[in-house]
Amino acid sequence: VVGLAVGLGIQSDPPIDIFQAIYNEASDRFQQGYDILESQNISPRRVLLSPDGSTVQFLALSWVADEDNFQLDFEDDQDRFVQRYILALFFLATGSDGTWKDS
């Protein structure tokens, strides 16, 4: 069964304390965004708090929380925050090179 799980790319979650450490090291805005996304079951913890920071969900949340010039107030405008997160997620997941280009 273990060989099958590894072959299919199924992985178990890292220990809880790894997720807690990543969360504790994140910015306040990242933590706020994480809390909203997790509470609304939009993205699971194991991809939002990626131990190596490589998931598109982690990168999208990081961008909206810490790099987006729009700087939404997540608590006052949760729907707009979720929309921006999903747009960033879509942008990154569809093969973006990570830069936004005006055309």
C-alpha atoms as a PDB file:
ATOM      1  CA  VAL A   1       0.000   0.000   0.000  1.00  0.00           C
ATOM      2  CA  VAL A   2       2.848   2.415   0.801  1.00  0.00           C
ATOM      3  CA  GLY A   3       4.453   1.833  -2.599  1.00  0.00           C
ATOM      4  CA  LEU A   4       1.147   2.538  -4.318  1.00  0.00           C
ATOM      5  CA  ALA A   5       0.620   5.731  -2.320  1.00  0.00           C
ATOM      6  CA  VAL A   6       4.098   6.998  -3.200  1.00  0.00           C
ATOM      7  CA  GLY A   7       3.682   6.020  -6.833  1.00  0.00           C
ATOM      8  CA  LEU A   8       0.451   7.992  -7.102  1.00  0.00           C
ATOM      9  CA  GLY A   9       1.960  11.035  -5.455  1.00  0.00           C
ATOM     10  CA  ILE A  10      -0.199  10.710  -2.362  1.00  0.00           C
ATOM     11  CA  GLN A  11       1.633  12.149   0.597  1.00  0.00           C
ATOM     12  CA  SER A  12       0.791  12.334   4.231  1.00  0.00           C
ATOM     13  CA  ASP A  13       0.784  15.700   5.971  1.00  0.00           C
ATOM     14  CA  PRO A  14       3.969  16.724   7.763  1.00  0.00           C
ATOM     15  CA  PRO A  15       3.699  16.885  11.554  1.00  0.00           C
ATOM     16  CA  ILE A  16       1.422  19.626  12.908  1.00  0.00           C
ATOM     17  CA  ASP A  17       4.332  21.505  14.506  1.00  0.00           C
ATOM     18  CA  ILE A  18       5.838  22.178  11.030  1.00  0.00           C
ATOM     19  CA  PHE A  19       2.616  23.885   9.946  1.00  0.00           C
ATOM     20  CA  GLN A  20       2.501  25.858  13.188  1.00  0.00           C
ATOM     21  CA  ALA A  21       6.099  27.014  12.727  1.00  0.00           C
ATOM     22  CA  ILE A  22       5.399  28.186   9.162  1.00  0.00           C
ATOM     23  CA  TYR A  23       2.251  30.003  10.332  1.00  0.00           C
ATOM     24  CA  ASN A  24       4.090  31.665  13.230  1.00  0.00           C
ATOM     25  CA  GLU A  25       6.862  32.927  10.923  1.00  0.00           C
ATOM     26  CA  ALA A  26       4.416  34.405   8.398  1.00  0.00           C
ATOM     27  CA  SER A  27       3.363  38.054   8.266  1.00  0.00           C
ATOM     28  CA  ASP A  28       0.202  39.162  10.070  1.00  0.00           C
ATOM     29  CA  ARG A  29      -1.529  39.674   6.702  1.00  0.00           C
ATOM     30  CA  PHE A  30      -0.549  36.173   5.556  1.00  0.00           C
ATOM     31  CA  GLN A  31      -1.975  34.774   8.819  1.00  0.00           C
ATOM     32  CA  GLN A  32      -5.226  36.728   8.339  1.00  0.00           C
ATOM     33  CA  GLY A  33      -5.561  35.482   4.766  1.00  0.00           C
ATOM     34  CA  TYR A  34      -4.736  31.933   5.787  1.00  0.00           C
ATOM     35  CA  ASP A  35      -7.397  32.010   8.514  1.00  0.00           C
ATOM     36  CA  ILE A  36     -10.050  33.154   6.025  1.00  0.00           C
ATOM     37  CA  LEU A  37      -9.117  30.626   3.326  1.00  0.00           C
ATOM     38  CA  GLU A  38      -8.942  27.737   5.773  1.00  0.00           C
ATOM     39  CA  SER A  39     -12.167  28.612   7.572  1.00  0.00           C
ATOM     40  CA  GLN A  40     -14.037  28.794   4.243  1.00  0.00           C
ATOM     41  CA  ASN A  41     -12.461  25.513   3.018  1.00  0.00           C
ATOM     42  CA  ILE A  42     -11.019  27.220  -0.058  1.00  0.00           C
ATOM     43  CA  SER A  43      -7.512  25.755   0.162  1.00  0.00           C
ATOM     44  CA  PRO A  44      -6.283  23.109   2.623  1.00  0.00           C
ATOM     45  CA  ARG A  45      -3.598  23.729   5.218  1.00  0.00           C
ATOM     46  CA  ARG A  46      -1.043  21.389   3.620  1.00  0.00           C
ATOM     47  CA  VAL A  47      -0.867  23.571   0.476  1.00  0.00           C
ATOM     48  CA  LEU A  48      -1.327  26.982   2.093  1.00  0.00           C
ATOM     49  CA  LEU A  49       1.455  26.316   4.596  1.00  0.00           C
ATOM     50  CA  SER A  50       3.791  24.526   2.226  1.00  0.00           C
ATOM     51  CA  PRO A  51       6.976  23.504   4.080  1.00  0.00           C
ATOM     52  CA  ASP A  52       9.100  24.354   1.032  1.00  0.00           C
ATOM     53  CA  GLY A  53       6.996  27.337  -0.106  1.00  0.00           C
ATOM     54  CA  SER A  54       6.547  25.917  -3.579  1.00  0.00           C
ATOM     55  CA  THR A  55       2.789  25.383  -3.943  1.00  0.00           C
ATOM     56  CA  VAL A  56       0.828  27.812  -6.088  1.00  0.00           C
ATOM     57  CA  GLN A  57      -1.587  28.260  -3.180  1.00  0.00           C
ATOM     58  CA  PHE A  58       1.242  29.372  -0.883  1.00  0.00           C
ATOM     59  CA  LEU A  59       2.676  31.663  -3.569  1.00  0.00           C
ATOM     60  CA  ALA A  60      -0.743  33.191  -4.368  1.00  0.00           C
ATOM     61  CA  LEU A  61      -1.500  33.876  -0.702  1.00  0.00           C
ATOM     62  CA  SER A  62       1.988  35.312  -0.191  1.00  0.00           C
ATOM     63  CA  TRP A  63       1.509  37.655  -3.140  1.00  0.00           C
ATOM     64  CA  VAL A  64      -1.944  38.881  -2.085  1.00  0.00           C
ATOM     65  CA  ALA A  65      -0.859  39.281   1.537  1.00  0.00           C
ATOM     66  CA  ASP A  66       2.575  40.807   1.149  1.00  0.00           C
ATOM     67  CA  GLU A  67       3.205  42.061  -2.396  1.00  0.00           C
ATOM     68  CA  ASP A  68      -0.120  43.170  -3.888  1.00  0.00           C
ATOM     69  CA  ASN A  69      -0.177  46.973  -4.049  1.00  0.00           C
ATOM     70  CA  PHE A  70      -3.957  46.955  -3.608  1.00  0.00           C
ATOM     71  CA  GLN A  71      -3.599  45.909   0.074  1.00  0.00           C
ATOM     72  CA  LEU A  72      -7.203  44.957   0.799  1.00  0.00           C
ATOM     73  CA  ASP A  73      -8.449  44.914   4.365  1.00  0.00           C
ATOM     74  CA  PHE A  74      -9.073  41.164   4.548  1.00  0.00           C
ATOM     75  CA  GLU A  75     -11.459  41.306   7.498  1.00  0.00           C
ATOM     76  CA  ASP A  76     -13.678  44.037   6.028  1.00  0.00           C
ATOM     77  CA  ASP A  77     -13.739  42.675   2.489  1.00  0.00           C
ATOM     78  CA  GLN A  78     -13.353  38.904   2.661  1.00  0.00           C
ATOM     79  CA  ASP A  79     -15.150  38.275  -0.642  1.00  0.00           C
ATOM     80  CA  ARG A  80     -12.812  40.583  -2.544  1.00  0.00           C
ATOM     81  CA  PHE A  81      -9.786  39.045  -0.835  1.00  0.00           C
ATOM     82  CA  VAL A  82     -10.925  35.551  -1.877  1.00  0.00           C
ATOM     83  CA  GLN A  83     -11.473  36.773  -5.456  1.00  0.00           C
ATOM     84  CA  ARG A  84      -7.962  38.255  -5.635  1.00  0.00           C
ATOM     85  CA  TYR A  85      -6.486  35.085  -4.139  1.00  0.00           C
ATOM     86  CA  ILE A  86      -8.259  32.898  -6.714  1.00  0.00           C
ATOM     87  CA  LEU A  87      -7.159  35.164  -9.575  1.00  0.00           C
ATOM     88  CA  ALA A  88      -3.549  35.033  -8.344  1.00  0.00           C
ATOM     89  CA  LEU A  89      -3.882  31.251  -7.963  1.00  0.00           C
ATOM     90  CA  PHE A  90      -5.208  30.916 -11.511  1.00  0.00           C
ATOM     91  CA  PHE A  91      -2.420  33.148 -12.862  1.00  0.00           C
ATOM     92  CA  LEU A  92       0.295  31.098 -11.165  1.00  0.00           C
ATOM     93  CA  ALA A  93      -1.290  27.705 -11.862  1.00  0.00           C
ATOM     94  CA  THR A  94      -1.601  28.269 -15.598  1.00  0.00           C
ATOM     95  CA  GLY A  95       2.100  28.405 -16.263  1.00  0.00           C
ATOM     96  CA  SER A  96       2.969  31.982 -15.441  1.00  0.00           C
ATOM     97  CA  ASP A  97       6.630  32.757 -15.109  1.00  0.00           C
ATOM     98  CA  GLY A  98       5.720  34.669 -11.948  1.00  0.00           C
ATOM     99  CA  THR A  99       5.823  38.133 -13.490  1.00  0.00           C
ATOM    100  CA  TRP A 100       2.925  40.255 -14.577  1.00  0.00           C
ATOM    101  CA  LYS A 101       3.379  41.891 -17.961  1.00  0.00           C
ATOM    102  CA  ASP A 102       1.397  44.796 -19.348  1.00  0.00           C
ATOM    103  CA  SER A 103       0.544  44.403 -22.995  1.00  0.00           C
END
